[in-house]
Amino acid sequence: QVQLVESGGGLVQPGGSLRLSCVASGSIFSINVMGWYRQAPGKERELVALITSGGSTNYVDSVKGRFTISRDNAKNTVYLQMNSLKPEDTAVYYCNAAVQRFGGLGGKYWGQGTQVTVSS
């Protein structure tokens, strides 16, 4: 089994910053792409940022220049540094990882989500 656990969410004022972390654990041989998604009330889940094992990144236009995704491959951890936060960034943020497990099995796994609320 593989588990993803997010942390770092909370309440922040507009213009503030938060750093999300997601640790993957379990029967992991390797992790390819890791990413962050978010889902606001009444909206579909959307991709925020992705990072490959080699460090290539991709962002949704609405967060470019404000959010930075990074990862520590040795710790199976992905981070999302969020700066200049706006009320429209309010959502539940989910971690996702494409995992290759020992024995040749693999799949995409999700964390339980962490709430980010941007409000004055």
C-alpha atoms as a PDB file:
ATOM      1  CA  GLN A   1       0.000   0.000   0.000  1.00  0.00           C
ATOM      2  CA  VAL A   2       0.944   3.623  -0.521  1.00  0.00           C
ATOM      3  CA  GLN A   3      -0.131   6.554   1.643  1.00  0.00           C
ATOM      4  CA  LEU A   4       0.108  10.275   0.936  1.00  0.00           C
ATOM      5  CA  VAL A   5      -0.214  12.672   3.855  1.00  0.00           C
ATOM      6  CA  GLU A   6      -0.514  16.424   3.344  1.00  0.00           C
ATOM      7  CA  SER A   7       0.156  19.145   5.892  1.00  0.00           C
ATOM      8  CA  GLY A   8       0.571  22.902   6.058  1.00  0.00           C
ATOM      9  CA  GLY A   9      -2.881  24.195   5.244  1.00  0.00           C
ATOM     10  CA  GLY A  10      -4.658  26.836   7.261  1.00  0.00           C
ATOM     11  CA  LEU A  11      -6.160  30.309   7.343  1.00  0.00           C
ATOM     12  CA  VAL A  12      -4.139  33.173   5.899  1.00  0.00           C
ATOM     13  CA  GLN A  13      -4.856  36.773   4.967  1.00  0.00           C
ATOM     14  CA  PRO A  14      -4.784  37.913   1.329  1.00  0.00           C
ATOM     15  CA  GLY A  15      -1.195  38.518   0.277  1.00  0.00           C
ATOM     16  CA  GLY A  16       0.104  35.993   2.766  1.00  0.00           C
ATOM     17  CA  SER A  17       2.024  32.770   2.273  1.00  0.00           C
ATOM     18  CA  LEU A  18       1.678  29.096   3.112  1.00  0.00           C
ATOM     19  CA  ARG A  19       3.833  26.060   2.439  1.00  0.00           C
ATOM     20  CA  LEU A  20       2.171  22.707   1.853  1.00  0.00           C
ATOM     21  CA  SER A  21       3.988  19.409   2.246  1.00  0.00           C
ATOM     22  CA  CYS A  22       3.065  15.907   1.149  1.00  0.00           C
ATOM     23  CA  VAL A  23       4.934  12.789   2.221  1.00  0.00           C
ATOM     24  CA  ALA A  24       4.504   9.484   0.403  1.00  0.00           C
ATOM     25  CA  SER A  25       5.146   6.274   2.305  1.00  0.00           C
ATOM     26  CA  GLY A  26       4.664   2.545   1.917  1.00  0.00           C
ATOM     27  CA  SER A  27       5.799   0.025  -0.659  1.00  0.00           C
ATOM     28  CA  ILE A  28       7.423   2.540  -3.030  1.00  0.00           C
ATOM     29  CA  PHE A  29      10.055   1.642  -5.612  1.00  0.00           C
ATOM     30  CA  SER A  30      10.001   5.001  -7.368  1.00  0.00           C
ATOM     31  CA  ILE A  31       7.795   8.033  -7.907  1.00  0.00           C
ATOM     32  CA  ASN A  32       7.476   9.665 -11.311  1.00  0.00           C
ATOM     33  CA  VAL A  33       5.209  12.707 -11.389  1.00  0.00           C
ATOM     34  CA  MET A  34       4.001  14.373  -8.200  1.00  0.00           C
ATOM     35  CA  GLY A  35       1.461  17.124  -8.168  1.00  0.00           C
ATOM     36  CA  TRP A  36      -0.944  19.351  -6.343  1.00  0.00           C
ATOM     37  CA  TYR A  37      -4.603  19.728  -7.206  1.00  0.00           C
ATOM     38  CA  ARG A  38      -7.308  21.812  -5.566  1.00  0.00           C
ATOM     39  CA  GLN A  39     -11.063  21.784  -5.310  1.00  0.00           C
ATOM     40  CA  ALA A  40     -13.121  24.790  -4.294  1.00  0.00           C
ATOM     41  CA  PRO A  41     -16.739  24.459  -3.108  1.00  0.00           C
ATOM     42  CA  GLY A  42     -19.054  23.825  -6.031  1.00  0.00           C
ATOM     43  CA  LYS A  43     -16.190  23.460  -8.498  1.00  0.00           C
ATOM     44  CA  GLU A  44     -14.361  20.576 -10.099  1.00  0.00           C
ATOM     45  CA  ARG A  45     -10.928  19.506  -8.935  1.00  0.00           C
ATOM     46  CA  GLU A  46      -8.231  21.277 -10.940  1.00  0.00           C
ATOM     47  CA  LEU A  47      -4.525  20.815 -11.469  1.00  0.00           C
ATOM     48  CA  VAL A  48      -2.372  23.421  -9.719  1.00  0.00           C
ATOM     49  CA  ALA A  49       1.196  22.241 -10.368  1.00  0.00           C
ATOM     50  CA  LEU A  50       3.176  19.165 -11.401  1.00  0.00           C
ATOM     51  CA  ILE A  51       6.812  18.151 -11.002  1.00  0.00           C
ATOM     52  CA  THR A  52       8.623  15.204 -12.545  1.00  0.00           C
ATOM     53  CA  SER A  53      11.334  13.146 -10.872  1.00  0.00           C
ATOM     54  CA  GLY A  54      13.840  15.131 -12.919  1.00  0.00           C
ATOM     55  CA  GLY A  55      12.518  18.449 -11.662  1.00  0.00           C
ATOM     56  CA  SER A  56      10.533  19.672 -14.646  1.00  0.00           C
ATOM     57  CA  THR A  57       7.520  21.691 -13.562  1.00  0.00           C
ATOM     58  CA  ASN A  58       4.184  22.824 -14.928  1.00  0.00           C
ATOM     59  CA  TYR A  59       1.683  25.281 -13.448  1.00  0.00           C
ATOM     60  CA  VAL A  60      -1.863  26.373 -14.097  1.00  0.00           C
ATOM     61  CA  ASP A  61      -1.838  29.938 -15.421  1.00  0.00           C
ATOM     62  CA  SER A  62      -3.633  31.378 -12.400  1.00  0.00           C
ATOM     63  CA  VAL A  63      -0.748  30.527 -10.024  1.00  0.00           C
ATOM     64  CA  LYS A  64       2.267  31.185 -12.227  1.00  0.00           C
ATOM     65  CA  GLY A  65       4.693  33.558 -10.545  1.00  0.00           C
ATOM     66  CA  ARG A  66       3.068  33.039  -7.134  1.00  0.00           C
ATOM     67  CA  PHE A  67       3.339  29.290  -6.415  1.00  0.00           C
ATOM     68  CA  THR A  68       6.432  27.105  -6.551  1.00  0.00           C
ATOM     69  CA  ILE A  69       6.406  23.311  -6.555  1.00  0.00           C
ATOM     70  CA  SER A  70       9.475  21.371  -5.451  1.00  0.00           C
ATOM     71  CA  ARG A  71      10.327  17.882  -4.263  1.00  0.00           C
ATOM     72  CA  ASP A  72      12.846  15.926  -2.233  1.00  0.00           C
ATOM     73  CA  ASN A  73      13.203  12.559  -3.945  1.00  0.00           C
ATOM     74  CA  ALA A  74      15.157  11.063  -1.043  1.00  0.00           C
ATOM     75  CA  LYS A  75      12.252  11.816   1.285  1.00  0.00           C
ATOM     76  CA  ASN A  76       9.433  11.052  -1.196  1.00  0.00           C
ATOM     77  CA  THR A  77       8.110  14.509  -0.412  1.00  0.00           C
ATOM     78  CA  VAL A  78       6.604  17.244  -2.554  1.00  0.00           C
ATOM     79  CA  TYR A  79       6.114  20.846  -1.485  1.00  0.00           C
ATOM     80  CA  LEU A  80       3.991  23.752  -2.666  1.00  0.00           C
ATOM     81  CA  GLN A  81       5.155  27.209  -1.666  1.00  0.00           C
ATOM     82  CA  MET A  82       2.238  29.592  -2.088  1.00  0.00           C
ATOM     83  CA  ASN A  83       2.906  33.333  -2.014  1.00  0.00           C
ATOM     84  CA  SER A  84       0.697  36.368  -2.671  1.00  0.00           C
ATOM     85  CA  LEU A  85      -2.352  34.313  -1.841  1.00  0.00           C
ATOM     86  CA  LYS A  86      -5.738  35.483  -3.063  1.00  0.00           C
ATOM     87  CA  PRO A  87      -9.252  34.662  -1.832  1.00  0.00           C
ATOM     88  CA  GLU A  88      -9.803  32.679  -5.035  1.00  0.00           C
ATOM     89  CA  ASP A  89      -7.025  30.304  -3.951  1.00  0.00           C
ATOM     90  CA  THR A  90      -9.321  29.066  -1.182  1.00  0.00           C
ATOM     91  CA  ALA A  91      -9.843  25.336  -1.675  1.00  0.00           C
ATOM     92  CA  VAL A  92      -8.988  21.886  -0.419  1.00  0.00           C
ATOM     93  CA  TYR A  93      -5.546  21.045  -1.772  1.00  0.00           C
ATOM     94  CA  TYR A  94      -4.762  17.444  -2.673  1.00  0.00           C
ATOM     95  CA  CYS A  95      -1.440  15.768  -3.291  1.00  0.00           C
ATOM     96  CA  ASN A  96      -1.136  13.226  -6.117  1.00  0.00           C
ATOM     97  CA  ALA A  97       1.701  10.868  -6.998  1.00  0.00           C
ATOM     98  CA  ALA A  98       2.349   8.389  -9.798  1.00  0.00           C
ATOM     99  CA  VAL A  99       4.017   5.551  -7.907  1.00  0.00           C
ATOM    100  CA  GLN A 100       5.875   2.465  -9.064  1.00  0.00           C
ATOM    101  CA  ARG A 101       5.606  -0.133  -6.317  1.00  0.00           C
ATOM    102  CA  PHE A 102       7.889  -3.057  -5.628  1.00  0.00           C
ATOM    103  CA  GLY A 103       6.780  -6.068  -7.652  1.00  0.00           C
ATOM    104  CA  GLY A 104       6.003  -4.049 -10.759  1.00  0.00           C
ATOM    105  CA  LEU A 105       2.647  -2.714  -9.674  1.00  0.00           C
ATOM    106  CA  GLY A 106       1.883   0.975  -9.867  1.00  0.00           C
ATOM    107  CA  GLY A 107      -0.773   3.602  -9.903  1.00  0.00           C
ATOM    108  CA  LYS A 108      -1.799   7.108  -9.005  1.00  0.00           C
ATOM    109  CA  TYR A 109      -2.462   7.864  -5.374  1.00  0.00           C
ATOM    110  CA  TRP A 110      -4.182  10.745  -3.587  1.00  0.00           C
ATOM    111  CA  GLY A 111      -3.786  12.316  -0.191  1.00  0.00           C
ATOM    112  CA  GLN A 112      -6.709  13.157   2.059  1.00  0.00           C
ATOM    113  CA  GLY A 113      -6.517  16.883   1.340  1.00  0.00           C
ATOM    114  CA  THR A 114      -5.661  19.959   3.376  1.00  0.00           C
ATOM    115  CA  GLN A 115      -7.828  23.075   3.617  1.00  0.00           C
ATOM    116  CA  VAL A 116      -6.422  26.428   2.537  1.00  0.00           C
ATOM    117  CA  THR A 117      -8.558  29.469   3.329  1.00  0.00           C
ATOM    118  CA  VAL A 118      -7.549  32.957   2.225  1.00  0.00           C
ATOM    119  CA  SER A 119      -9.635  35.575   3.971  1.00  0.00           C
ATOM    120  CA  SER A 120      -9.315  38.799   5.901  1.00  0.00           C
END
